[in-house]
Amino acid sequence: MKKTAIIIVIVLGVLIAGGWGSYSFLAGSFGDSGETTLSEAQDAGAISEQEMSDLIEEETDDSEERTSEEIESEIKEEIARQHTYWNDLTGYGGLDSLSMDEAASSLEEQQEKIQDRLLPIATDSLKEDFKTADSHISAAIEDNNPEELRMVHRIFHDLDIVINDYSGDTNYFGVTETFGND
């Protein structure tokens, strides 16, 4: 009986160690080696300091007058909404099972939000980040390639984590113009 227990413990140990080793190897092979946490990126100086006031349009074509605080709030809210959308669509393995045919109209809706809500009120590097996200959505739709959407998710993730102090997954991909990139 004691001998059987020892064999079981050894077999379980080998299986656990082998599984962990395989996972570590595969994660290293297929993972994004550029991932860091937000605090690591900040400590390394990879995130530039940007003031929201420098990233928004002071004058808009809207018939109503809005303050810069209202515009800033709108940008922050839309970045958070976009990040949530992309998390739900592509995060946690969602990209692997994404049907582009089923997602097309939803993708076009998100693209319209970027074009109609964010691009008109953003300037400089933030506007470039939104244009980059927009172009990746277009490429995904045109080429029927869901992999293009990974970058869109990462752009909004990085913007949300820095601008809104998003506290969920704190991986920082360094893919935005606004806060520096690798």
N, C-alpha and C. Protein backbone atom coordinates (compact mmCIF):
# COMPACT_ATOMS: atom_id res chain seq x y z
N MET A 1 0.82 -1.18 0.00
CA MET A 1 0.00 0.00 0.00
C MET A 1 0.87 1.25 0.00
N LYS A 2 1.92 1.26 0.81
CA LYS A 2 2.82 2.39 0.89
C LYS A 2 3.55 2.59 -0.44
N LYS A 3 3.90 1.49 -1.08
CA LYS A 3 4.59 1.53 -2.35
C LYS A 3 3.68 2.14 -3.43
N THR A 4 2.41 1.81 -3.42
CA THR A 4 1.44 2.33 -4.37
C THR A 4 1.27 3.83 -4.19
N ALA A 5 1.21 4.27 -2.95
CA ALA A 5 1.06 5.69 -2.67
C ALA A 5 2.28 6.46 -3.17
N ILE A 6 3.45 5.91 -2.99
CA ILE A 6 4.68 6.57 -3.45
C ILE A 6 4.68 6.67 -4.97
N ILE A 7 4.26 5.61 -5.64
CA ILE A 7 4.21 5.61 -7.11
C ILE A 7 3.21 6.66 -7.60
N ILE A 8 2.06 6.73 -6.93
CA ILE A 8 1.04 7.71 -7.32
C ILE A 8 1.57 9.13 -7.15
N VAL A 9 2.24 9.39 -6.05
CA VAL A 9 2.80 10.72 -5.80
C VAL A 9 3.85 11.05 -6.85
N ILE A 10 4.69 10.10 -7.21
CA ILE A 10 5.73 10.33 -8.22
C ILE A 10 5.09 10.60 -9.58
N VAL A 11 4.10 9.78 -9.95
CA VAL A 11 3.43 9.96 -11.24
C VAL A 11 2.74 11.32 -11.30
N LEU A 12 2.04 11.70 -10.23
CA LEU A 12 1.38 13.00 -10.19
C LEU A 12 2.40 14.13 -10.28
N GLY A 13 3.50 13.99 -9.58
CA GLY A 13 4.55 15.01 -9.63
C GLY A 13 5.10 15.17 -11.04
N VAL A 14 5.34 14.06 -11.72
CA VAL A 14 5.85 14.11 -13.09
C VAL A 14 4.82 14.76 -14.01
N LEU A 15 3.55 14.39 -13.86
CA LEU A 15 2.50 14.97 -14.69
C LEU A 15 2.36 16.48 -14.46
N ILE A 16 2.39 16.89 -13.22
CA ILE A 16 2.26 18.31 -12.90
C ILE A 16 3.46 19.08 -13.43
N ALA A 17 4.66 18.57 -13.17
CA ALA A 17 5.87 19.24 -13.65
C ALA A 17 5.90 19.29 -15.17
N GLY A 18 5.52 18.19 -15.80
CA GLY A 18 5.49 18.15 -17.26
C GLY A 18 4.46 19.11 -17.84
N GLY A 19 3.30 19.14 -17.21
CA GLY A 19 2.25 20.07 -17.66
C GLY A 19 2.68 21.50 -17.51
N TRP A 20 3.27 21.82 -16.37
CA TRP A 20 3.73 23.19 -16.13
C TRP A 20 4.84 23.56 -17.12
N GLY A 21 5.76 22.64 -17.34
CA GLY A 21 6.85 22.90 -18.28
C GLY A 21 6.33 23.10 -19.69
N SER A 22 5.39 22.27 -20.10
CA SER A 22 4.80 22.42 -21.44
C SER A 22 4.07 23.74 -21.57
N TYR A 23 3.30 24.08 -20.55
CA TYR A 23 2.57 25.35 -20.57
C TYR A 23 3.55 26.52 -20.67
N SER A 24 4.59 26.50 -19.87
CA SER A 24 5.57 27.59 -19.88
C SER A 24 6.25 27.70 -21.23
N PHE A 25 6.58 26.56 -21.82
CA PHE A 25 7.23 26.55 -23.12
C PHE A 25 6.30 27.10 -24.19
N LEU A 26 5.06 26.60 -24.21
CA LEU A 26 4.11 27.05 -25.22
C LEU A 26 3.72 28.50 -25.02
N ALA A 27 3.55 28.93 -23.81
CA ALA A 27 3.22 30.33 -23.55
C ALA A 27 4.35 31.22 -24.02
N GLY A 28 5.57 30.79 -23.83
CA GLY A 28 6.72 31.56 -24.30
C GLY A 28 6.83 31.56 -25.81
N SER A 29 6.42 30.46 -26.44
CA SER A 29 6.49 30.35 -27.89
C SER A 29 5.43 31.17 -28.59
N PHE A 30 4.23 31.19 -28.02
CA PHE A 30 3.11 31.82 -28.69
C PHE A 30 2.69 33.13 -28.05
N GLY A 31 3.22 33.43 -26.90
CA GLY A 31 2.81 34.65 -26.19
C GLY A 31 3.45 35.88 -26.78
N ASP A 32 3.06 37.01 -26.28
CA ASP A 32 3.61 38.28 -26.71
C ASP A 32 4.73 38.64 -25.75
N SER A 33 5.93 38.52 -26.25
CA SER A 33 7.08 38.77 -25.37
C SER A 33 7.19 40.24 -24.99
N GLY A 34 6.42 41.11 -25.66
CA GLY A 34 6.47 42.52 -25.37
C GLY A 34 5.57 42.94 -24.22
N GLU A 35 4.83 42.01 -23.64
CA GLU A 35 3.92 42.35 -22.57
C GLU A 35 4.67 42.70 -21.29
N THR A 36 4.23 43.78 -20.69
CA THR A 36 4.72 44.16 -19.38
C THR A 36 3.51 44.63 -18.59
N THR A 37 3.68 44.84 -17.33
CA THR A 37 2.58 45.44 -16.58
C THR A 37 2.69 46.94 -16.70
N LEU A 38 1.61 47.62 -16.38
CA LEU A 38 1.61 49.07 -16.45
C LEU A 38 2.71 49.65 -15.56
N SER A 39 2.82 49.15 -14.35
CA SER A 39 3.83 49.70 -13.44
C SER A 39 5.24 49.44 -13.96
N GLU A 40 5.48 48.29 -14.58
CA GLU A 40 6.80 48.02 -15.17
C GLU A 40 7.09 49.00 -16.31
N ALA A 41 6.06 49.24 -17.14
CA ALA A 41 6.24 50.18 -18.25
C ALA A 41 6.49 51.60 -17.73
N GLN A 42 5.78 51.99 -16.68
CA GLN A 42 5.99 53.32 -16.10
C GLN A 42 7.39 53.42 -15.50
N ASP A 43 7.80 52.40 -14.77
CA ASP A 43 9.12 52.40 -14.15
C ASP A 43 10.23 52.46 -15.20
N ALA A 44 10.00 51.82 -16.34
CA ALA A 44 11.02 51.79 -17.39
C ALA A 44 10.99 53.06 -18.25
N GLY A 45 10.04 53.95 -17.97
CA GLY A 45 9.93 55.17 -18.74
C GLY A 45 9.33 54.97 -20.11
N ALA A 46 8.61 53.86 -20.31
CA ALA A 46 8.03 53.55 -21.61
C ALA A 46 6.73 54.30 -21.86
N ILE A 47 6.21 54.97 -20.86
CA ILE A 47 4.95 55.68 -21.00
C ILE A 47 5.23 57.16 -20.89
N SER A 48 4.93 57.86 -21.97
CA SER A 48 5.14 59.30 -21.93
C SER A 48 3.98 59.96 -21.20
N GLU A 49 4.26 61.09 -20.61
CA GLU A 49 3.24 61.85 -19.90
C GLU A 49 2.49 62.71 -20.91
N GLN A 50 1.19 62.54 -20.97
CA GLN A 50 0.35 63.34 -21.85
C GLN A 50 -0.79 63.92 -21.04
N GLU A 51 -1.06 65.17 -21.25
CA GLU A 51 -2.20 65.82 -20.61
C GLU A 51 -3.39 65.68 -21.54
N MET A 52 -4.54 65.32 -21.00
CA MET A 52 -5.73 65.18 -21.83
C MET A 52 -6.04 66.48 -22.55
N SER A 53 -5.79 67.59 -21.93
CA SER A 53 -6.09 68.87 -22.57
C SER A 53 -5.32 69.05 -23.88
N ASP A 54 -4.17 68.39 -24.00
CA ASP A 54 -3.39 68.47 -25.24
C ASP A 54 -3.90 67.50 -26.30
N LEU A 55 -4.79 66.60 -25.93
CA LEU A 55 -5.23 65.54 -26.83
C LEU A 55 -6.65 65.72 -27.34
N ILE A 56 -7.30 66.82 -26.97
CA ILE A 56 -8.68 67.02 -27.40
C ILE A 56 -8.82 68.32 -28.18
N GLU A 57 -9.81 68.32 -29.07
CA GLU A 57 -10.11 69.52 -29.85
C GLU A 57 -10.81 70.52 -28.96
N GLU A 58 -10.35 71.73 -28.99
CA GLU A 58 -11.01 72.79 -28.21
C GLU A 58 -12.25 73.29 -28.94
N GLU A 59 -12.19 73.28 -30.27
CA GLU A 59 -13.33 73.72 -31.05
C GLU A 59 -13.85 72.53 -31.84
N THR A 60 -15.15 72.31 -31.76
CA THR A 60 -15.76 71.22 -32.52
C THR A 60 -16.81 71.80 -33.44
N ASP A 61 -17.27 71.00 -34.37
CA ASP A 61 -18.30 71.43 -35.31
C ASP A 61 -19.69 71.30 -34.71
N ASP A 62 -19.79 70.83 -33.48
CA ASP A 62 -21.09 70.67 -32.83
C ASP A 62 -21.77 72.02 -32.72
N SER A 63 -23.09 72.00 -32.88
CA SER A 63 -23.84 73.25 -32.75
C SER A 63 -23.87 73.70 -31.29
N GLU A 64 -23.77 72.76 -30.38
CA GLU A 64 -23.77 73.11 -28.96
C GLU A 64 -22.34 73.35 -28.48
N GLU A 65 -22.19 74.24 -27.59
CA GLU A 65 -20.88 74.52 -27.02
C GLU A 65 -20.61 73.53 -25.90
N ARG A 66 -19.44 72.92 -25.93
CA ARG A 66 -19.07 71.99 -24.88
C ARG A 66 -17.75 72.44 -24.28
N THR A 67 -17.62 72.20 -23.01
CA THR A 67 -16.37 72.54 -22.34
C THR A 67 -15.35 71.45 -22.60
N SER A 68 -14.09 71.78 -22.39
CA SER A 68 -13.04 70.77 -22.56
C SER A 68 -13.22 69.63 -21.57
N GLU A 69 -13.77 69.92 -20.40
CA GLU A 69 -14.03 68.86 -19.41
C GLU A 69 -15.09 67.89 -19.92
N GLU A 70 -16.10 68.41 -20.62
CA GLU A 70 -17.14 67.54 -21.18
C GLU A 70 -16.59 66.69 -22.31
N ILE A 71 -15.75 67.28 -23.12
CA ILE A 71 -15.12 66.53 -24.21
C ILE A 71 -14.20 65.46 -23.65
N GLU A 72 -13.41 65.82 -22.66
CA GLU A 72 -12.52 64.86 -22.00
C GLU A 72 -13.31 63.71 -21.41
N SER A 73 -14.40 64.01 -20.75
CA SER A 73 -15.25 62.99 -20.15
C SER A 73 -15.82 62.06 -21.22
N GLU A 74 -16.24 62.64 -22.34
CA GLU A 74 -16.78 61.83 -23.44
C GLU A 74 -15.72 60.88 -23.98
N ILE A 75 -14.51 61.37 -24.15
CA ILE A 75 -13.42 60.51 -24.65
C ILE A 75 -13.15 59.38 -23.66
N LYS A 76 -13.05 59.71 -22.40
CA LYS A 76 -12.77 58.69 -21.39
C LYS A 76 -13.86 57.62 -21.36
N GLU A 77 -15.12 58.06 -21.40
CA GLU A 77 -16.23 57.11 -21.38
C GLU A 77 -16.23 56.22 -22.61
N GLU A 78 -15.97 56.80 -23.78
CA GLU A 78 -15.99 56.01 -25.01
C GLU A 78 -14.80 55.05 -25.04
N ILE A 79 -13.66 55.46 -24.53
CA ILE A 79 -12.51 54.54 -24.46
C ILE A 79 -12.86 53.35 -23.56
N ALA A 80 -13.48 53.61 -22.42
CA ALA A 80 -13.88 52.52 -21.52
C ALA A 80 -14.89 51.61 -22.18
N ARG A 81 -15.88 52.19 -22.89
CA ARG A 81 -16.88 51.37 -23.60
C ARG A 81 -16.23 50.52 -24.68
N GLN A 82 -15.34 51.15 -25.44
CA GLN A 82 -14.65 50.41 -26.51
C GLN A 82 -13.83 49.27 -25.91
N HIS A 83 -13.10 49.54 -24.85
CA HIS A 83 -12.29 48.51 -24.23
C HIS A 83 -13.16 47.34 -23.77
N THR A 84 -14.28 47.63 -23.15
CA THR A 84 -15.20 46.57 -22.71
C THR A 84 -15.69 45.76 -23.91
N TYR A 85 -16.06 46.44 -24.96
CA TYR A 85 -16.51 45.75 -26.18
C TYR A 85 -15.44 44.81 -26.71
N TRP A 86 -14.22 45.33 -26.86
CA TRP A 86 -13.13 44.51 -27.42
C TRP A 86 -12.73 43.39 -26.48
N ASN A 87 -12.79 43.62 -25.18
CA ASN A 87 -12.56 42.54 -24.21
C ASN A 87 -13.55 41.42 -24.44
N ASP A 88 -14.82 41.78 -24.54
CA ASP A 88 -15.87 40.78 -24.71
C ASP A 88 -15.74 40.04 -26.04
N LEU A 89 -15.37 40.77 -27.09
CA LEU A 89 -15.30 40.16 -28.42
C LEU A 89 -14.04 39.33 -28.63
N THR A 90 -12.89 39.86 -28.21
CA THR A 90 -11.63 39.22 -28.58
C THR A 90 -10.85 38.65 -27.41
N GLY A 91 -11.15 39.11 -26.20
CA GLY A 91 -10.36 38.70 -25.05
C GLY A 91 -10.67 37.29 -24.59
N TYR A 92 -9.77 36.74 -23.82
CA TYR A 92 -9.95 35.44 -23.18
C TYR A 92 -10.30 34.34 -24.17
N GLY A 93 -9.62 34.34 -25.31
CA GLY A 93 -9.82 33.30 -26.31
C GLY A 93 -10.95 33.57 -27.28
N GLY A 94 -11.65 34.69 -27.13
CA GLY A 94 -12.77 35.00 -28.01
C GLY A 94 -12.36 35.16 -29.46
N LEU A 95 -11.16 35.62 -29.68
CA LEU A 95 -10.67 35.81 -31.04
C LEU A 95 -10.57 34.49 -31.79
N ASP A 96 -10.25 33.42 -31.05
CA ASP A 96 -10.10 32.10 -31.67
C ASP A 96 -11.40 31.56 -32.24
N SER A 97 -12.52 31.95 -31.66
CA SER A 97 -13.81 31.42 -32.11
C SER A 97 -14.67 32.48 -32.79
N LEU A 98 -14.09 33.60 -33.13
CA LEU A 98 -14.85 34.71 -33.71
C LEU A 98 -15.23 34.42 -35.15
N SER A 99 -16.51 34.57 -35.45
CA SER A 99 -17.00 34.46 -36.82
C SER A 99 -17.11 35.87 -37.38
N MET A 100 -16.32 36.17 -38.38
CA MET A 100 -16.33 37.50 -38.96
C MET A 100 -17.69 37.82 -39.59
N ASP A 101 -18.35 36.82 -40.17
CA ASP A 101 -19.66 37.06 -40.77
C ASP A 101 -20.67 37.49 -39.71
N GLU A 102 -20.64 36.83 -38.57
CA GLU A 102 -21.57 37.17 -37.49
C GLU A 102 -21.22 38.50 -36.83
N ALA A 103 -19.94 38.84 -36.79
CA ALA A 103 -19.50 40.04 -36.09
C ALA A 103 -19.48 41.29 -36.97
N ALA A 104 -19.65 41.14 -38.28
CA ALA A 104 -19.45 42.26 -39.22
C ALA A 104 -20.27 43.50 -38.86
N SER A 105 -21.56 43.34 -38.62
CA SER A 105 -22.38 44.54 -38.35
C SER A 105 -21.98 45.19 -37.02
N SER A 106 -21.64 44.38 -36.03
CA SER A 106 -21.20 44.91 -34.75
C SER A 106 -19.87 45.65 -34.89
N LEU A 107 -18.98 45.10 -35.70
CA LEU A 107 -17.69 45.75 -35.95
C LEU A 107 -17.89 47.09 -36.64
N GLU A 108 -18.81 47.12 -37.60
CA GLU A 108 -19.09 48.38 -38.30
C GLU A 108 -19.68 49.42 -37.35
N GLU A 109 -20.51 48.99 -36.40
CA GLU A 109 -21.05 49.91 -35.40
C GLU A 109 -19.94 50.52 -34.55
N GLN A 110 -19.00 49.68 -34.11
CA GLN A 110 -17.88 50.18 -33.31
C GLN A 110 -17.02 51.14 -34.13
N GLN A 111 -16.84 50.81 -35.40
CA GLN A 111 -16.06 51.66 -36.27
C GLN A 111 -16.74 53.02 -36.44
N GLU A 112 -18.05 53.02 -36.58
CA GLU A 112 -18.79 54.29 -36.68
C GLU A 112 -18.64 55.11 -35.41
N LYS A 113 -18.64 54.46 -34.25
CA LYS A 113 -18.46 55.18 -32.99
C LYS A 113 -17.08 55.85 -32.95
N ILE A 114 -16.09 55.13 -33.41
CA ILE A 114 -14.74 55.70 -33.45
C ILE A 114 -14.72 56.89 -34.40
N GLN A 115 -15.29 56.72 -35.58
CA GLN A 115 -15.27 57.77 -36.59
C GLN A 115 -16.13 58.98 -36.20
N ASP A 116 -17.29 58.72 -35.63
CA ASP A 116 -18.24 59.80 -35.34
C ASP A 116 -18.04 60.45 -33.98
N ARG A 117 -17.62 59.67 -33.00
CA ARG A 117 -17.51 60.20 -31.63
C ARG A 117 -16.09 60.57 -31.23
N LEU A 118 -15.13 59.76 -31.61
CA LEU A 118 -13.77 59.97 -31.11
C LEU A 118 -12.88 60.79 -32.05
N LEU A 119 -12.86 60.45 -33.32
CA LEU A 119 -11.97 61.17 -34.23
C LEU A 119 -12.23 62.67 -34.30
N PRO A 120 -13.50 63.12 -34.31
CA PRO A 120 -13.72 64.56 -34.41
C PRO A 120 -13.26 65.37 -33.19
N ILE A 121 -13.12 64.73 -32.05
CA ILE A 121 -12.77 65.51 -30.85
C ILE A 121 -11.37 65.23 -30.32
N ALA A 122 -10.64 64.34 -30.98
CA ALA A 122 -9.28 64.02 -30.55
C ALA A 122 -8.28 64.76 -31.44
N THR A 123 -7.09 64.98 -30.91
CA THR A 123 -6.02 65.60 -31.69
C THR A 123 -4.75 64.78 -31.57
N ASP A 124 -3.80 65.15 -32.37
CA ASP A 124 -2.43 64.64 -32.28
C ASP A 124 -2.35 63.12 -32.18
N SER A 125 -1.59 62.66 -31.21
CA SER A 125 -1.31 61.23 -31.10
C SER A 125 -2.56 60.42 -30.76
N LEU A 126 -3.48 60.97 -29.98
CA LEU A 126 -4.69 60.24 -29.65
C LEU A 126 -5.54 60.03 -30.90
N LYS A 127 -5.60 61.03 -31.73
CA LYS A 127 -6.32 60.89 -33.01
C LYS A 127 -5.66 59.80 -33.86
N GLU A 128 -4.34 59.76 -33.85
CA GLU A 128 -3.62 58.73 -34.60
C GLU A 128 -3.94 57.33 -34.07
N ASP A 129 -4.04 57.20 -32.75
CA ASP A 129 -4.40 55.90 -32.17
C ASP A 129 -5.79 55.47 -32.63
N PHE A 130 -6.73 56.41 -32.66
CA PHE A 130 -8.08 56.09 -33.10
C PHE A 130 -8.09 55.75 -34.60
N LYS A 131 -7.28 56.46 -35.40
CA LYS A 131 -7.18 56.14 -36.83
C LYS A 131 -6.58 54.75 -37.03
N THR A 132 -5.59 54.41 -36.22
CA THR A 132 -4.98 53.08 -36.33
C THR A 132 -6.00 51.99 -36.00
N ALA A 133 -6.76 52.20 -34.93
CA ALA A 133 -7.81 51.24 -34.56
C ALA A 133 -8.81 51.11 -35.70
N ASP A 134 -9.24 52.23 -36.25
CA ASP A 134 -10.19 52.25 -37.36
C ASP A 134 -9.65 51.46 -38.56
N SER A 135 -8.39 51.66 -38.89
CA SER A 135 -7.81 50.97 -40.05
C SER A 135 -7.69 49.47 -39.81
N HIS A 136 -7.43 49.06 -38.57
CA HIS A 136 -7.37 47.63 -38.28
C HIS A 136 -8.76 46.98 -38.37
N ILE A 137 -9.78 47.72 -37.98
CA ILE A 137 -11.15 47.19 -38.12
C ILE A 137 -11.47 47.04 -39.61
N SER A 138 -11.14 48.05 -40.40
CA SER A 138 -11.37 47.98 -41.85
C SER A 138 -10.66 46.79 -42.46
N ALA A 139 -9.40 46.60 -42.09
CA ALA A 139 -8.62 45.47 -42.62
C ALA A 139 -9.24 44.14 -42.21
N ALA A 140 -9.70 44.05 -40.97
CA ALA A 140 -10.32 42.81 -40.50
C ALA A 140 -11.56 42.47 -41.32
N ILE A 141 -12.37 43.48 -41.59
CA ILE A 141 -13.59 43.27 -42.35
C ILE A 141 -13.27 42.95 -43.81
N GLU A 142 -12.40 43.75 -44.41
CA GLU A 142 -12.07 43.57 -45.83
C GLU A 142 -11.38 42.24 -46.10
N ASP A 143 -10.46 41.86 -45.23
CA ASP A 143 -9.67 40.64 -45.43
C ASP A 143 -10.27 39.42 -44.73
N ASN A 144 -11.40 39.63 -44.04
CA ASN A 144 -12.03 38.56 -43.26
C ASN A 144 -11.00 37.94 -42.31
N ASN A 145 -10.24 38.82 -41.63
CA ASN A 145 -9.14 38.40 -40.79
C ASN A 145 -9.33 38.90 -39.36
N PRO A 146 -9.85 38.06 -38.48
CA PRO A 146 -10.08 38.51 -37.11
C PRO A 146 -8.81 38.86 -36.35
N GLU A 147 -7.67 38.38 -36.80
CA GLU A 147 -6.41 38.67 -36.11
C GLU A 147 -6.12 40.17 -36.08
N GLU A 148 -6.61 40.91 -37.05
CA GLU A 148 -6.44 42.37 -37.09
C GLU A 148 -7.05 43.03 -35.85
N LEU A 149 -8.07 42.38 -35.28
CA LEU A 149 -8.80 42.97 -34.16
C LEU A 149 -8.01 42.91 -32.86
N ARG A 150 -7.00 42.06 -32.80
CA ARG A 150 -6.17 41.98 -31.60
C ARG A 150 -5.52 43.34 -31.31
N MET A 151 -5.06 44.00 -32.38
CA MET A 151 -4.42 45.31 -32.20
C MET A 151 -5.43 46.35 -31.73
N VAL A 152 -6.66 46.29 -32.24
CA VAL A 152 -7.69 47.24 -31.81
C VAL A 152 -7.92 47.10 -30.30
N HIS A 153 -8.04 45.84 -29.87
CA HIS A 153 -8.24 45.58 -28.44
C HIS A 153 -7.06 46.13 -27.64
N ARG A 154 -5.86 45.90 -28.10
CA ARG A 154 -4.68 46.35 -27.36
C ARG A 154 -4.58 47.88 -27.31
N ILE A 155 -4.97 48.54 -28.38
CA ILE A 155 -4.96 50.01 -28.38
C ILE A 155 -5.90 50.53 -27.30
N PHE A 156 -7.15 50.04 -27.31
CA PHE A 156 -8.11 50.53 -26.33
C PHE A 156 -7.76 50.05 -24.92
N HIS A 157 -7.14 48.89 -24.80
CA HIS A 157 -6.69 48.42 -23.49
C HIS A 157 -5.65 49.39 -22.92
N ASP A 158 -4.63 49.69 -23.71
CA ASP A 158 -3.57 50.59 -23.23
C ASP A 158 -4.11 51.99 -22.93
N LEU A 159 -4.99 52.50 -23.78
CA LEU A 159 -5.57 53.82 -23.52
C LEU A 159 -6.40 53.80 -22.25
N ASP A 160 -7.20 52.76 -22.06
CA ASP A 160 -8.06 52.67 -20.88
C ASP A 160 -7.23 52.52 -19.62
N ILE A 161 -6.18 51.75 -19.69
CA ILE A 161 -5.36 51.50 -18.50
C ILE A 161 -4.64 52.77 -18.06
N VAL A 162 -4.21 53.61 -19.00
CA VAL A 162 -3.50 54.83 -18.64
C VAL A 162 -4.46 55.99 -18.39
N ILE A 163 -5.40 56.21 -19.28
CA ILE A 163 -6.30 57.36 -19.17
C ILE A 163 -7.32 57.18 -18.05
N ASN A 164 -7.89 55.99 -17.95
CA ASN A 164 -8.97 55.76 -16.99
C ASN A 164 -8.54 54.98 -15.76
N ASP A 165 -7.26 54.69 -15.64
CA ASP A 165 -6.76 53.89 -14.51
C ASP A 165 -7.48 52.55 -14.42
N TYR A 166 -7.71 51.93 -15.59
CA TYR A 166 -8.36 50.62 -15.64
C TYR A 166 -7.59 49.66 -14.75
N SER A 167 -8.29 48.95 -13.91
CA SER A 167 -7.61 48.12 -12.92
C SER A 167 -7.80 46.63 -13.14
N GLY A 168 -8.37 46.24 -14.27
CA GLY A 168 -8.51 44.81 -14.56
C GLY A 168 -7.15 44.21 -14.89
N ASP A 169 -7.04 43.62 -16.05
CA ASP A 169 -5.78 43.04 -16.52
C ASP A 169 -4.80 44.19 -16.71
N THR A 170 -3.70 44.17 -15.99
CA THR A 170 -2.76 45.29 -16.04
C THR A 170 -1.60 45.08 -17.02
N ASN A 171 -1.73 44.10 -17.94
CA ASN A 171 -0.71 44.00 -18.97
C ASN A 171 -0.73 45.27 -19.79
N TYR A 172 0.44 45.77 -20.09
CA TYR A 172 0.56 46.97 -20.91
C TYR A 172 1.31 46.57 -22.17
N PHE A 173 0.69 46.80 -23.34
CA PHE A 173 1.25 46.32 -24.59
C PHE A 173 2.16 47.34 -25.28
N GLY A 174 2.06 48.60 -24.89
CA GLY A 174 2.93 49.62 -25.49
C GLY A 174 2.66 49.87 -26.95
N VAL A 175 1.38 49.86 -27.37
CA VAL A 175 1.07 49.97 -28.79
C VAL A 175 0.48 51.32 -29.19
N THR A 176 0.38 52.26 -28.27
CA THR A 176 -0.25 53.53 -28.63
C THR A 176 0.79 54.59 -28.96
N GLU A 177 0.41 55.50 -29.83
CA GLU A 177 1.23 56.68 -30.10
C GLU A 177 1.20 57.61 -28.90
N THR A 178 0.04 57.67 -28.27
CA THR A 178 -0.19 58.64 -27.20
C THR A 178 0.74 58.45 -26.01
N PHE A 179 0.92 57.22 -25.59
CA PHE A 179 1.69 56.99 -24.37
C PHE A 179 2.97 56.24 -24.63
N GLY A 180 3.44 56.27 -25.84
CA GLY A 180 4.71 55.63 -26.16
C GLY A 180 4.52 54.21 -26.62
N ASN A 181 5.42 53.79 -27.40
CA ASN A 181 5.39 52.41 -27.88
C ASN A 181 6.81 51.87 -27.94
N ASP A 182 6.88 50.56 -27.95
CA ASP A 182 8.19 49.90 -27.94
C ASP A 182 8.84 49.91 -29.30
